[in-house]
Amino acid sequence: MIKVLIERVIAEGLEQPYEDVARRVLSAAVQSPGFISGESFRDMEQPNRRIIMVTWQNMHSWQRWEDSEARRDSISGFAPILLEEEKISLLEPL
């Protein structure tokens, strides 16, 4: 099992459009083999910063989703909303 930490910074005033796109991305991810769960967090000190923690069965499951057309299509809606490219960290248990 692995965790994928995704960090996104939303342009001011675009929080609701971000949430709409994020729901569509999650909906698509849930359909991908190996998806276990996902949680979203808002940074209390930087309210336009979101942290998403996703659990996948294994690295192969994540890579299949990351490289999929479904993911590319669903995250394309973030382009006009984010101030910078999302940052992705892959984590494994010790």
Protein backbone atom coordinates (compact mmCIF):
# COMPACT_ATOMS: atom_id res chain seq x y z
CA MET A 1 0.00 0.00 0.00
CA ILE A 2 1.24 3.51 -0.81
CA LYS A 3 0.09 7.05 -0.07
CA VAL A 4 0.18 9.81 -2.65
CA LEU A 5 0.38 13.35 -1.25
CA ILE A 6 -0.77 16.01 -3.71
CA GLU A 7 -0.37 19.72 -2.97
CA ARG A 8 -2.30 22.37 -4.89
CA VAL A 9 -2.49 26.15 -4.57
CA ILE A 10 -5.76 27.72 -5.74
CA ALA A 11 -6.05 31.20 -7.22
CA GLU A 12 -7.98 33.56 -4.95
CA GLY A 13 -11.73 33.47 -5.49
CA LEU A 14 -11.65 30.18 -7.41
CA GLU A 15 -12.20 27.86 -4.47
CA GLN A 16 -15.67 26.72 -5.59
CA PRO A 17 -14.64 25.91 -9.18
CA TYR A 18 -11.65 24.05 -7.68
CA GLU A 19 -13.95 21.97 -5.45
CA ASP A 20 -16.13 21.12 -8.46
CA VAL A 21 -13.15 19.90 -10.49
CA ALA A 22 -11.71 18.05 -7.48
CA ARG A 23 -14.98 16.12 -7.07
CA ARG A 24 -14.85 15.08 -10.74
CA VAL A 25 -11.23 13.95 -10.37
CA LEU A 26 -12.08 11.90 -7.28
CA SER A 27 -15.07 10.36 -9.05
CA ALA A 28 -12.80 9.23 -11.88
CA ALA A 29 -10.05 8.00 -9.51
CA VAL A 30 -12.49 5.84 -7.54
CA GLN A 31 -13.15 3.89 -10.76
CA SER A 32 -9.44 3.15 -11.24
CA PRO A 33 -8.25 -0.32 -10.16
CA GLY A 34 -6.20 -0.16 -6.96
CA PHE A 35 -7.76 3.04 -5.56
CA ILE A 36 -8.44 2.58 -1.84
CA SER A 37 -9.34 6.00 -0.41
CA GLY A 38 -8.81 9.74 -0.66
CA GLU A 39 -8.98 12.68 1.74
CA SER A 40 -8.73 16.43 1.12
CA PHE A 41 -7.45 19.00 3.59
CA ARG A 42 -7.38 22.80 3.62
CA ASP A 43 -4.23 24.37 5.08
CA MET A 44 -5.37 26.37 8.13
CA GLU A 45 -2.64 28.97 7.64
CA GLN A 46 -2.93 29.20 3.83
CA PRO A 47 -6.62 28.62 3.05
CA ASN A 48 -6.03 28.53 -0.71
CA ARG A 49 -3.64 25.56 -0.31
CA ARG A 50 -5.09 22.05 -0.51
CA ILE A 51 -3.45 18.79 0.50
CA ILE A 52 -4.88 15.58 -0.91
CA MET A 53 -3.89 12.22 0.56
CA VAL A 54 -4.76 9.24 -1.62
CA THR A 55 -4.18 5.59 -0.75
CA TRP A 56 -3.45 3.11 -3.55
CA GLN A 57 -2.91 -0.64 -3.39
CA ASN A 58 0.57 -0.33 -4.87
CA MET A 59 2.84 1.80 -7.05
CA HIS A 60 1.61 0.12 -10.23
CA SER A 61 -2.01 1.13 -9.44
CA TRP A 62 -0.98 4.75 -8.89
CA GLN A 63 1.16 4.88 -12.03
CA ARG A 64 -1.64 3.40 -14.13
CA TRP A 65 -3.97 6.16 -12.85
CA GLU A 66 -1.34 8.90 -13.11
CA ASP A 67 -0.66 8.02 -16.77
CA SER A 68 -4.29 7.45 -17.72
CA GLU A 69 -6.29 9.50 -20.16
CA ALA A 70 -9.06 9.65 -17.53
CA ARG A 71 -6.75 11.48 -15.11
CA ARG A 72 -5.38 13.81 -17.78
CA ASP A 73 -8.92 14.70 -18.84
CA SER A 74 -10.19 15.21 -15.30
CA ILE A 75 -7.27 17.33 -14.02
CA SER A 76 -7.25 19.53 -17.14
CA GLY A 77 -9.99 21.55 -15.40
CA PHE A 78 -7.41 22.69 -12.83
CA ALA A 79 -5.33 24.62 -15.41
CA PRO A 80 -7.11 28.01 -15.04
CA ILE A 81 -7.65 27.53 -11.29
CA LEU A 82 -4.22 26.70 -9.85
CA LEU A 83 -1.46 29.26 -9.24
CA GLU A 84 1.25 26.65 -9.76
CA GLU A 85 1.64 23.06 -10.88
CA GLU A 86 0.50 20.46 -8.39
CA LYS A 87 3.26 18.79 -6.38
CA ILE A 88 3.12 15.03 -5.92
CA SER A 89 4.98 13.00 -3.28
CA LEU A 90 4.88 9.20 -3.14
CA LEU A 91 5.03 7.71 0.35
CA GLU A 92 5.45 4.17 1.61
CA PRO A 93 5.07 2.81 5.13
CA LEU A 94 8.17 2.04 7.16
